[in-house]
Structure formats: structure tokens, C-alpha cells
PDB file of N, CA and C in Angstrom:
ATOM      1  N   MET A   1     -31.798  14.082  32.094  1.00  0.00           N
ATOM      2  CA  MET A   1     -31.143  13.271  30.892  1.00  0.00           C
ATOM      3  C   MET A   1     -30.425  13.760  30.157  1.00  0.00           C
ATOM      4  N   GLY A   2     -29.111  12.574  30.171  1.00  0.00           N
ATOM      5  CA  GLY A   2     -27.650  13.131  29.152  1.00  0.00           C
ATOM      6  C   GLY A   2     -27.787  13.099  27.985  1.00  0.00           C
ATOM      7  N   PHE A   3     -26.840  13.105  27.274  1.00  0.00           N
ATOM      8  CA  PHE A   3     -26.307  12.951  26.111  1.00  0.00           C
ATOM      9  C   PHE A   3     -25.331  12.894  25.554  1.00  0.00           C
ATOM     10  N   VAL A   4     -24.845  11.606  24.966  1.00  0.00           N
ATOM     11  CA  VAL A   4     -23.164  11.776  24.154  1.00  0.00           C
ATOM     12  C   VAL A   4     -22.890  11.810  23.290  1.00  0.00           C
ATOM     13  N   VAL A   5     -22.270  12.996  22.710  1.00  0.00           N
ATOM     14  CA  VAL A   5     -22.390  12.862  21.093  1.00  0.00           C
ATOM     15  C   VAL A   5     -21.161  12.325  20.654  1.00  0.00           C
ATOM     16  N   SER A   6     -21.203  11.378  19.483  1.00  0.00           N
ATOM     17  CA  SER A   6     -19.816  11.595  19.879  1.00  0.00           C
ATOM     18  C   SER A   6     -19.493  11.054  17.590  1.00  0.00           C
ATOM     19  N   SER A   7     -18.538  10.329  17.521  1.00  0.00           N
ATOM     20  CA  SER A   7     -18.426  10.526  16.054  1.00  0.00           C
ATOM     21  C   SER A   7     -18.189   9.332  15.699  1.00  0.00           C
ATOM     22  N   GLY A   8     -18.312   8.067  17.080  1.00  0.00           N
ATOM     23  CA  GLY A   8     -17.957   6.546  16.671  1.00  0.00           C
ATOM     24  C   GLY A   8     -16.808   5.889  16.001  1.00  0.00           C
ATOM     25  N   THR A   9     -16.251   7.080  16.155  1.00  0.00           N
ATOM     26  CA  THR A   9     -15.081   6.652  15.472  1.00  0.00           C
ATOM     27  C   THR A   9     -13.891   6.842  16.329  1.00  0.00           C
ATOM     28  N   GLU A  10     -12.505   5.711  16.566  1.00  0.00           N
ATOM     29  CA  GLU A  10     -11.767   6.089  17.461  1.00  0.00           C
ATOM     30  C   GLU A  10     -10.062   6.082  16.867  1.00  0.00           C
ATOM     31  N   ILE A  11      -9.628   6.329  16.865  1.00  0.00           N
ATOM     32  CA  ILE A  11      -8.234   7.141  16.165  1.00  0.00           C
ATOM     33  C   ILE A  11      -7.101   5.902  17.601  1.00  0.00           C
ATOM     34  N   LEU A  12      -6.592   5.149  16.800  1.00  0.00           N
ATOM     35  CA  LEU A  12      -5.833   3.890  17.366  1.00  0.00           C
ATOM     36  C   LEU A  12      -4.066   4.428  17.072  1.00  0.00           C
ATOM     37  N   GLU A  13      -4.086   4.766  17.828  1.00  0.00           N
ATOM     38  CA  GLU A  13      -2.061   5.155  18.298  1.00  0.00           C
ATOM     39  C   GLU A  13      -0.981   3.741  18.445  1.00  0.00           C
ATOM     40  N   GLU A  14      -0.028   4.115  17.402  1.00  0.00           N
ATOM     41  CA  GLU A  14       0.414   2.879  17.712  1.00  0.00           C
ATOM     42  C   GLU A  14       2.048   2.791  19.261  1.00  0.00           C
ATOM     43  N   LYS A  15       2.506   2.299  18.634  1.00  0.00           N
ATOM     44  CA  LYS A  15       2.995   2.771  19.245  1.00  0.00           C
ATOM     45  C   LYS A  15       4.468   2.607  19.044  1.00  0.00           C
ATOM     46  N   GLY A  16       5.503   3.797  19.736  1.00  0.00           N
ATOM     47  CA  GLY A  16       6.779   4.194  19.124  1.00  0.00           C
ATOM     48  C   GLY A  16       7.996   3.298  18.518  1.00  0.00           C
ATOM     49  N   ILE A  17       8.478   3.290  16.981  1.00  0.00           N
ATOM     50  CA  ILE A  17       9.013   2.436  16.968  1.00  0.00           C
ATOM     51  C   ILE A  17      10.513   2.243  17.276  1.00  0.00           C
ATOM     52  N   GLN A  18      10.998   1.177  17.701  1.00  0.00           N
ATOM     53  CA  GLN A  18      12.645   1.317  18.557  1.00  0.00           C
ATOM     54  C   GLN A  18      13.752   0.607  16.944  1.00  0.00           C
ATOM     55  N   GLY A  19      14.244   1.787  17.337  1.00  0.00           N
ATOM     56  CA  GLY A  19      15.595   1.759  15.701  1.00  0.00           C
ATOM     57  C   GLY A  19      16.435   3.013  15.656  1.00  0.00           C
ATOM     58  N   CYS A  20      17.093   2.955  14.800  1.00  0.00           N
ATOM     59  CA  CYS A  20      18.098   3.797  14.087  1.00  0.00           C
ATOM     60  C   CYS A  20      17.082   4.836  13.227  1.00  0.00           C
ATOM     61  N   TRP A  21      16.664   6.419  13.194  1.00  0.00           N
ATOM     62  CA  TRP A  21      16.025   7.099  12.941  1.00  0.00           C
ATOM     63  C   TRP A  21      16.854   7.280  11.661  1.00  0.00           C
ATOM     64  N   GLN A  22      16.222   7.905  10.246  1.00  0.00           N
ATOM     65  CA  GLN A  22      16.974   8.857   9.284  1.00  0.00           C
ATOM     66  C   GLN A  22      16.759   9.183   8.042  1.00  0.00           C
ATOM     67  N   LYS A  23      16.450  10.243   8.279  1.00  0.00           N
ATOM     68  CA  LYS A  23      15.555  10.484   6.805  1.00  0.00           C
ATOM     69  C   LYS A  23      15.638  10.576   5.610  1.00  0.00           C
ATOM     70  N   VAL A  24      15.097  10.074   4.667  1.00  0.00           N
ATOM     71  CA  VAL A  24      15.864   9.438   3.348  1.00  0.00           C
ATOM     72  C   VAL A  24      14.888   9.701   1.886  1.00  0.00           C
ATOM     73  N   ALA A  25      15.621   9.412   1.006  1.00  0.00           N
ATOM     74  CA  ALA A  25      14.555  10.349  -0.418  1.00  0.00           C
ATOM     75  C   ALA A  25      14.400   8.512  -1.233  1.00  0.00           C
ATOM     76  N   VAL A  26      13.503   8.979  -1.368  1.00  0.00           N
ATOM     77  CA  VAL A  26      12.383   7.541  -1.925  1.00  0.00           C
ATOM     78  C   VAL A  26      12.545   7.744  -3.579  1.00  0.00           C
ATOM     79  N   ASP A  27      12.382   6.689  -4.140  1.00  0.00           N
ATOM     80  CA  ASP A  27      11.713   7.069  -5.142  1.00  0.00           C
ATOM     81  C   ASP A  27      10.622   5.738  -5.573  1.00  0.00           C
ATOM     82  N   CYS A  28       9.380   6.693  -5.640  1.00  0.00           N
ATOM     83  CA  CYS A  28       8.714   5.219  -5.492  1.00  0.00           C
ATOM     84  C   CYS A  28       7.169   5.802  -6.443  1.00  0.00           C
ATOM     85  N   TRP A  29       6.574   4.746  -6.812  1.00  0.00           N
ATOM     86  CA  TRP A  29       6.177   4.549  -7.713  1.00  0.00           C
ATOM     87  C   TRP A  29       4.272   4.345  -7.375  1.00  0.00           C
ATOM     88  N   PHE A  30       3.360   4.875  -7.713  1.00  0.00           N
ATOM     89  CA  PHE A  30       1.836   5.376  -6.952  1.00  0.00           C
ATOM     90  C   PHE A  30       0.559   4.628  -8.725  1.00  0.00           C
ATOM     91  N   THR A  31       0.414   3.992  -8.276  1.00  0.00           N
ATOM     92  CA  THR A  31      -0.361   2.950  -8.894  1.00  0.00           C
ATOM     93  C   THR A  31      -1.468   3.931  -9.660  1.00  0.00           C
ATOM     94  N   SER A  32      -2.533   4.008 -10.315  1.00  0.00           N
ATOM     95  CA  SER A  32      -3.985   4.183 -11.201  1.00  0.00           C
ATOM     96  C   SER A  32      -4.598   4.799  -9.736  1.00  0.00           C
ATOM     97  N   THR A  33      -4.744   3.865  -8.649  1.00  0.00           N
ATOM     98  CA  THR A  33      -5.757   3.427  -8.272  1.00  0.00           C
ATOM     99  C   THR A  33      -5.006   4.247  -6.360  1.00  0.00           C
ATOM    100  N   GLY A  34      -4.074   4.919  -6.488  1.00  0.00           N
ATOM    101  CA  GLY A  34      -3.374   5.453  -5.336  1.00  0.00           C
ATOM    102  C   GLY A  34      -2.576   4.313  -4.289  1.00  0.00           C
ATOM    103  N   ARG A  35      -1.773   3.631  -4.391  1.00  0.00           N
ATOM    104  CA  ARG A  35      -1.375   2.017  -4.075  1.00  0.00           C
ATOM    105  C   ARG A  35       0.451   2.825  -3.913  1.00  0.00           C
ATOM    106  N   ALA A  36       0.725   3.429  -2.725  1.00  0.00           N
ATOM    107  CA  ALA A  36       2.634   3.106  -3.325  1.00  0.00           C
ATOM    108  C   ALA A  36       3.364   2.327  -3.374  1.00  0.00           C
ATOM    109  N   ILE A  37       4.112   2.176  -4.053  1.00  0.00           N
ATOM    110  CA  ILE A  37       5.348   1.188  -4.325  1.00  0.00           C
ATOM    111  C   ILE A  37       6.385   1.578  -4.076  1.00  0.00           C
ATOM    112  N   PRO A  38       7.391   1.465  -2.870  1.00  0.00           N
ATOM    113  CA  PRO A  38       8.815   2.130  -3.145  1.00  0.00           C
ATOM    114  C   PRO A  38       9.838   1.417  -3.902  1.00  0.00           C
ATOM    115  N   ARG A  39      10.641   2.246  -4.601  1.00  0.00           N
ATOM    116  CA  ARG A  39      11.211   1.153  -5.659  1.00  0.00           C
ATOM    117  C   ARG A  39      12.954   1.455  -5.202  1.00  0.00           C
ATOM    118  N   MET A  40      13.310   2.756  -4.602  1.00  0.00           N
ATOM    119  CA  MET A  40      14.607   2.657  -4.140  1.00  0.00           C
ATOM    120  C   MET A  40      14.255   3.996  -2.896  1.00  0.00           C
ATOM    121  N   VAL A  41      15.843   3.560  -2.713  1.00  0.00           N
ATOM    122  CA  VAL A  41      15.547   4.236  -1.406  1.00  0.00           C
ATOM    123  C   VAL A  41      17.734   5.172  -1.176  1.00  0.00           C
ATOM    124  N   LYS A  42      17.529   5.939  -0.969  1.00  0.00           N
ATOM    125  CA  LYS A  42      18.817   7.410  -0.577  1.00  0.00           C
ATOM    126  C   LYS A  42      18.781   7.521   0.512  1.00  0.00           C
ATOM    127  N   TYR A  43      19.878   7.425   0.677  1.00  0.00           N
ATOM    128  CA  TYR A  43      20.983   8.032   2.372  1.00  0.00           C
ATOM    129  C   TYR A  43      22.157   8.151   2.912  1.00  0.00           C
ATOM    130  N   GLU A  44      23.061   8.861   3.357  1.00  0.00           N
ATOM    131  CA  GLU A  44      23.978   9.164   3.520  1.00  0.00           C
ATOM    132  C   GLU A  44      24.185   8.393   5.031  1.00  0.00           C
ATOM    133  N   ASP A  45      25.151   7.482   4.748  1.00  0.00           N
ATOM    134  CA  ASP A  45      25.915   6.389   6.185  1.00  0.00           C
ATOM    135  C   ASP A  45      26.718   7.139   6.922  1.00  0.00           C
ATOM    136  N   GLN A  46      26.964   6.787   7.874  1.00  0.00           N
ATOM    137  CA  GLN A  46      28.268   7.877   9.024  1.00  0.00           C
ATOM    138  C   GLN A  46      29.226   8.097   8.336  1.00  0.00           C
ATOM    139  N   ASP A  47      29.373   7.279   7.311  1.00  0.00           N
ATOM    140  CA  ASP A  47      31.049   8.687   6.765  1.00  0.00           C
ATOM    141  C   ASP A  47      30.790  10.053   5.709  1.00  0.00           C
ATOM    142  N   GLY A  48      29.438   9.902   5.493  1.00  0.00           N
ATOM    143  CA  GLY A  48      29.213  10.960   4.785  1.00  0.00           C
ATOM    144  C   GLY A  48      29.046  10.170   3.340  1.00  0.00           C
ATOM    145  N   CYS A  49      28.841   8.916   3.103  1.00  0.00           N
ATOM    146  CA  CYS A  49      28.777   8.841   1.355  1.00  0.00           C
ATOM    147  C   CYS A  49      27.483   8.221   1.394  1.00  0.00           C
ATOM    148  N   LEU A  50      26.470   8.457   0.095  1.00  0.00           N
ATOM    149  CA  LEU A  50      26.080   8.670  -0.513  1.00  0.00           C
ATOM    150  C   LEU A  50      25.528   6.528  -0.716  1.00  0.00           C
ATOM    151  N   GLN A  51      24.439   6.406  -0.282  1.00  0.00           N
ATOM    152  CA  GLN A  51      24.376   4.472  -0.282  1.00  0.00           C
ATOM    153  C   GLN A  51      22.650   4.514  -1.294  1.00  0.00           C
ATOM    154  N   VAL A  52      22.608   3.614  -1.915  1.00  0.00           N
ATOM    155  CA  VAL A  52      21.403   3.516  -2.762  1.00  0.00           C
ATOM    156  C   VAL A  52      20.994   1.528  -2.331  1.00  0.00           C
ATOM    157  N   LEU A  53      19.343   1.852  -1.697  1.00  0.00           N
ATOM    158  CA  LEU A  53      18.837   0.839  -1.508  1.00  0.00           C
ATOM    159  C   LEU A  53      17.624   0.334  -3.047  1.00  0.00           C
ATOM    160  N   ARG A  54      18.415  -0.911  -3.374  1.00  0.00           N
ATOM    161  CA  ARG A  54      17.118  -1.029  -4.419  1.00  0.00           C
ATOM    162  C   ARG A  54      16.677  -2.652  -4.551  1.00  0.00           C
ATOM    163  N   ASP A  55      16.408  -2.949  -5.302  1.00  0.00           N
ATOM    164  CA  ASP A  55      15.601  -4.019  -5.284  1.00  0.00           C
ATOM    165  C   ASP A  55      14.458  -4.225  -4.293  1.00  0.00           C
ATOM    166  N   ILE A  56      13.369  -3.293  -4.025  1.00  0.00           N
ATOM    167  CA  ILE A  56      12.681  -3.613  -2.525  1.00  0.00           C
ATOM    168  C   ILE A  56      12.398  -4.189  -2.326  1.00  0.00           C
ATOM    169  N   GLN A  57      11.660  -5.245  -1.409  1.00  0.00           N
ATOM    170  CA  GLN A  57      10.568  -5.756  -1.839  1.00  0.00           C
ATOM    171  C   GLN A  57       9.361  -5.248  -0.026  1.00  0.00           C
ATOM    172  N   VAL A  58       8.075  -4.784  -0.637  1.00  0.00           N
ATOM    173  CA  VAL A  58       7.463  -4.188   0.649  1.00  0.00           C
ATOM    174  C   VAL A  58       6.488  -5.809   0.746  1.00  0.00           C
ATOM    175  N   ILE A  59       7.152  -6.011   2.236  1.00  0.00           N
ATOM    176  CA  ILE A  59       6.365  -6.890   3.001  1.00  0.00           C
ATOM    177  C   ILE A  59       5.016  -6.896   3.702  1.00  0.00           C
ATOM    178  N   LYS A  60       5.079  -5.385   3.648  1.00  0.00           N
ATOM    179  CA  LYS A  60       3.696  -5.190   4.109  1.00  0.00           C
ATOM    180  C   LYS A  60       3.322  -3.872   4.306  1.00  0.00           C
ATOM    181  N   GLN A  61       2.478  -2.708   4.433  1.00  0.00           N
ATOM    182  CA  GLN A  61       1.991  -2.206   4.470  1.00  0.00           C
ATOM    183  C   GLN A  61       0.632  -1.342   5.154  1.00  0.00           C
ATOM    184  N   ASP A  62       1.171  -0.337   5.509  1.00  0.00           N
ATOM    185  CA  ASP A  62      -0.364  -0.630   6.548  1.00  0.00           C
ATOM    186  C   ASP A  62      -0.355   1.822   6.549  1.00  0.00           C
ATOM    187  N   GLN A  63      -1.481   2.329   7.166  1.00  0.00           N
ATOM    188  CA  GLN A  63      -1.730   3.602   7.512  1.00  0.00           C
ATOM    189  C   GLN A  63      -2.099   3.357   9.068  1.00  0.00           C
ATOM    190  N   LYS A  64      -1.115   4.086   9.942  1.00  0.00           N
ATOM    191  CA  LYS A  64      -0.595   4.361  11.714  1.00  0.00           C
ATOM    192  C   LYS A  64      -0.859   6.255  11.180  1.00  0.00           C
ATOM    193  N   ASN A  65      -0.977   5.598  12.680  1.00  0.00           N
ATOM    194  CA  ASN A  65      -0.864   7.047  13.668  1.00  0.00           C
ATOM    195  C   ASN A  65      -0.389   7.191  13.998  1.00  0.00           C
ATOM    196  N   TYR A  66       0.956   7.757  14.522  1.00  0.00           N
ATOM    197  CA  TYR A  66       1.686   7.529  15.652  1.00  0.00           C
ATOM    198  C   TYR A  66       1.764   9.042  16.652  1.00  0.00           C
ATOM    199  N   ALA A  67       1.375   8.967  17.409  1.00  0.00           N
ATOM    200  CA  ALA A  67       1.340  10.234  18.644  1.00  0.00           C
ATOM    201  C   ALA A  67       0.598  10.977  17.890  1.00  0.00           C
ATOM    202  N   GLY A  68      -0.696  10.880  17.055  1.00  0.00           N
ATOM    203  CA  GLY A  68      -1.340  11.891  16.014  1.00  0.00           C
ATOM    204  C   GLY A  68      -0.741  12.353  14.450  1.00  0.00           C
ATOM    205  N   ILE A  69       0.804  12.112  14.634  1.00  0.00           N
ATOM    206  CA  ILE A  69       0.866  12.513  12.873  1.00  0.00           C
ATOM    207  C   ILE A  69       0.821  10.515  12.660  1.00  0.00           C
ATOM    208  N   TYR A  70      -0.077  11.198  11.160  1.00  0.00           N
ATOM    209  CA  TYR A  70      -0.872  10.061  10.140  1.00  0.00           C
ATOM    210  C   TYR A  70       0.617   9.663   9.059  1.00  0.00           C
ATOM    211  N   CYS A  71       1.072   8.923   8.784  1.00  0.00           N
ATOM    212  CA  CYS A  71       1.946   8.375   8.019  1.00  0.00           C
ATOM    213  C   CYS A  71       1.290   6.784   7.283  1.00  0.00           C
ATOM    214  N   GLN A  72       2.431   6.244   6.075  1.00  0.00           N
ATOM    215  CA  GLN A  72       2.437   5.460   5.642  1.00  0.00           C
ATOM    216  C   GLN A  72       3.530   3.864   6.117  1.00  0.00           C
ATOM    217  N   ARG A  73       3.544   3.403   6.683  1.00  0.00           N
ATOM    218  CA  ARG A  73       4.317   2.611   6.589  1.00  0.00           C
ATOM    219  C   ARG A  73       4.499   1.489   5.737  1.00  0.00           C
ATOM    220  N   PHE A  74       5.500   0.947   5.724  1.00  0.00           N
ATOM    221  CA  PHE A  74       6.106  -0.186   4.322  1.00  0.00           C
ATOM    222  C   PHE A  74       6.764  -1.106   5.608  1.00  0.00           C
ATOM    223  N   ASP A  75       6.937  -2.031   5.471  1.00  0.00           N
ATOM    224  CA  ASP A  75       7.886  -2.890   6.190  1.00  0.00           C
ATOM    225  C   ASP A  75       8.485  -3.559   4.897  1.00  0.00           C
ATOM    226  N   CYS A  76       9.655  -3.290   4.804  1.00  0.00           N
ATOM    227  CA  CYS A  76      10.039  -4.054   3.560  1.00  0.00           C
ATOM    228  C   CYS A  76      11.560  -4.636   4.272  1.00  0.00           C
ATOM    229  N   ARG A  77      12.193  -5.446   2.935  1.00  0.00           N
ATOM    230  CA  ARG A  77      13.245  -6.339   2.741  1.00  0.00           C
ATOM    231  C   ARG A  77      14.243  -5.872   1.759  1.00  0.00           C
ATOM    232  N   THR A  78      15.452  -6.148   1.528  1.00  0.00           N
ATOM    233  CA  THR A  78      16.269  -5.667   0.598  1.00  0.00           C
ATOM    234  C   THR A  78      17.834  -6.611   0.250  1.00  0.00           C
ATOM    235  N   GLN A  79      18.012  -6.611  -0.625  1.00  0.00           N
ATOM    236  CA  GLN A  79      19.654  -7.854  -0.082  1.00  0.00           C
ATOM    237  C   GLN A  79      20.951  -6.514  -0.290  1.00  0.00           C
ATOM    238  N   LEU A  80      21.663  -7.272   0.180  1.00  0.00           N
ATOM    239  CA  LEU A  80      23.073  -6.230  -0.145  1.00  0.00           C
ATOM    240  C   LEU A  80      24.163  -6.938   0.615  1.00  0.00           C
ATOM    241  N   GLU A  81      24.860  -7.105  -0.582  1.00  0.00           N
ATOM    242  CA  GLU A  81      26.118  -7.503  -0.538  1.00  0.00           C
ATOM    243  C   GLU A  81      26.483  -9.353   0.287  1.00  0.00           C
ATOM    244  N   GLY A  82      24.954  -9.994  -0.114  1.00  0.00           N
ATOM    245  CA  GLY A  82      24.784 -11.408  -0.169  1.00  0.00           C
ATOM    246  C   GLY A  82      23.702 -11.773   1.115  1.00  0.00           C
ATOM    247  N   ARG A  83      23.625 -10.123   2.272  1.00  0.00           N
ATOM    248  CA  ARG A  83      22.869 -10.420   3.713  1.00  0.00           C
ATOM    249  C   ARG A  83      21.512  -9.566   3.343  1.00  0.00           C
ATOM    250  N   GLN A  84      20.494 -10.145   3.880  1.00  0.00           N
ATOM    251  CA  GLN A  84      18.971 -10.024   4.000  1.00  0.00           C
ATOM    252  C   GLN A  84      19.451  -8.808   4.899  1.00  0.00           C
ATOM    253  N   TYR A  85      18.035  -7.428   4.561  1.00  0.00           N
ATOM    254  CA  TYR A  85      18.248  -6.826   5.494  1.00  0.00           C
ATOM    255  C   TYR A  85      16.749  -6.148   5.272  1.00  0.00           C
ATOM    256  N   ASP A  86      15.927  -6.236   6.753  1.00  0.00           N
ATOM    257  CA  ASP A  86      14.889  -5.753   6.826  1.00  0.00           C
ATOM    258  C   ASP A  86      14.948  -4.177   7.322  1.00  0.00           C
ATOM    259  N   PHE A  87      13.925  -3.536   7.318  1.00  0.00           N
ATOM    260  CA  PHE A  87      13.361  -2.067   7.915  1.00  0.00           C
ATOM    261  C   PHE A  87      12.231  -1.008   7.055  1.00  0.00           C
ATOM    262  N   ILE A  88      12.025  -0.849   7.530  1.00  0.00           N
ATOM    263  CA  ILE A  88      10.863   0.479   7.618  1.00  0.00           C
ATOM    264  C   ILE A  88      10.639   1.714   7.280  1.00  0.00           C
ATOM    265  N   LEU A  89       9.868   2.005   5.929  1.00  0.00           N
ATOM    266  CA  LEU A  89      10.227   2.997   5.558  1.00  0.00           C
ATOM    267  C   LEU A  89       9.039   4.235   6.070  1.00  0.00           C
ATOM    268  N   LEU A  90       9.067   5.281   6.830  1.00  0.00           N
ATOM    269  CA  LEU A  90       7.174   5.364   7.158  1.00  0.00           C
ATOM    270  C   LEU A  90       7.651   7.086   5.895  1.00  0.00           C
ATOM    271  N   PHE A  91       6.424   7.408   4.884  1.00  0.00           N
ATOM    272  CA  PHE A  91       5.797   8.607   4.487  1.00  0.00           C
ATOM    273  C   PHE A  91       5.041   9.259   4.902  1.00  0.00           C
ATOM    274  N   HIS A  92       5.300  10.291   4.804  1.00  0.00           N
ATOM    275  CA  HIS A  92       4.894  11.229   5.658  1.00  0.00           C
ATOM    276  C   HIS A  92       3.793  12.389   4.762  1.00  0.00           C
ATOM    277  N   ALA A  93       2.491  11.904   4.684  1.00  0.00           N
ATOM    278  CA  ALA A  93       1.943  12.797   3.287  1.00  0.00           C
ATOM    279  C   ALA A  93       1.627  14.292   3.948  1.00  0.00           C
ATOM    280  N   ASN A  94       2.375  14.819   4.554  1.00  0.00           N
ATOM    281  CA  ASN A  94       0.995  16.269   4.573  1.00  0.00           C
ATOM    282  C   ASN A  94       2.920  16.973   4.941  1.00  0.00           C
ATOM    283  N   GLU A  95       3.883  16.630   5.180  1.00  0.00           N
ATOM    284  CA  GLU A  95       5.620  17.230   4.817  1.00  0.00           C
ATOM    285  C   GLU A  95       6.198  15.687   3.416  1.00  0.00           C
ATOM    286  N   HIS A  96       5.202  15.067   2.968  1.00  0.00           N
ATOM    287  CA  HIS A  96       5.759  15.163   2.015  1.00  0.00           C
ATOM    288  C   HIS A  96       7.770  14.233   1.956  1.00  0.00           C
ATOM    289  N   THR A  97       7.924  13.816   3.415  1.00  0.00           N
ATOM    290  CA  THR A  97       8.768  12.953   3.862  1.00  0.00           C
ATOM    291  C   THR A  97       9.353  11.752   4.011  1.00  0.00           C
ATOM    292  N   TRP A  98      10.218  11.063   4.175  1.00  0.00           N
ATOM    293  CA  TRP A  98      10.516   9.616   3.793  1.00  0.00           C
ATOM    294  C   TRP A  98      11.431   9.428   5.346  1.00  0.00           C
ATOM    295  N   ASP A  99      10.921   8.788   6.502  1.00  0.00           N
ATOM    296  CA  ASP A  99      12.432   8.124   6.911  1.00  0.00           C
ATOM    297  C   ASP A  99      11.865   6.831   6.715  1.00  0.00           C
ATOM    298  N   MET A 100      14.039   6.759   7.452  1.00  0.00           N
ATOM    299  CA  MET A 100      13.803   4.798   7.468  1.00  0.00           C
ATOM    300  C   MET A 100      13.973   4.176   8.527  1.00  0.00           C
ATOM    301  N   VAL A 101      13.931   3.927   8.960  1.00  0.00           N
ATOM    302  CA  VAL A 101      13.788   2.432  10.806  1.00  0.00           C
ATOM    303  C   VAL A 101      14.470   1.764  10.464  1.00  0.00           C
ATOM    304  N   ILE A 102      15.931   1.451  11.010  1.00  0.00           N
ATOM    305  CA  ILE A 102      16.889   0.341  11.092  1.00  0.00           C
ATOM    306  C   ILE A 102      16.358  -0.232  12.301  1.00  0.00           C
ATOM    307  N   ARG A 103      15.429  -1.339  12.642  1.00  0.00           N
ATOM    308  CA  ARG A 103      15.665  -2.060  14.090  1.00  0.00           C
ATOM    309  C   ARG A 103      17.082  -2.240  14.044  1.00  0.00           C
ATOM    310  N   LYS A 104      16.960  -2.669  15.457  1.00  0.00           N
ATOM    311  CA  LYS A 104      18.860  -3.017  16.094  1.00  0.00           C
ATOM    312  C   LYS A 104      18.690  -4.033  16.479  1.00  0.00           C
TER     313      LYS A 104
END
């Protein structure tokens, strides 16, 4: 007779996100319940100039597992110079860093 010991929980891994990845600085508000709300993103563009995204609308927020790396994923939208831009923000809680992914 054999026994199998299992924790009963599965860790689902997500497929990689395709697009242009960039390290960014994020101004984020945390509510009293621990919910994170990104308010502003700063990044360096291709010319080396500092760019700022404000008025960020969070469309969707999830906890994700990418290749064993846990992060918070924010699907976001903003208006810049009359155009709408959709992008993804990833918060890596262990390293306290942010990535922005612009889909092509």
C-alpha cells in the first residue's frame, strides 16, 4: 500500500509577456487593506530623456507567477498627446522593483 502526500495546492504559471520591457519608477498608493494603486510612472525613453505617465487607469489587477517569480500584474491605460496607450506594470514584491511592458 502506498500513500501520496500533497499540499493540495497547485501553482499555475503564466506564459511570458511579449513586448518591450523596461525598468521603471512608480509612484504607488497603498490602501489600508493593502491594495496597490499605481499613480505615476517615470521611465527613460530611447533618447535618454525622462518621461512621466500620469492619470493611469488600472483596468485589471492580478497576482501572477512567471517562471516561479511571483509578482503583481496591473493592466493599465493612459492618454498621452491625444492617444490612448495600453501597458502592463509588474511589481516584484521581493525585490521592490517595477517593470513596464509595452505590447507591440
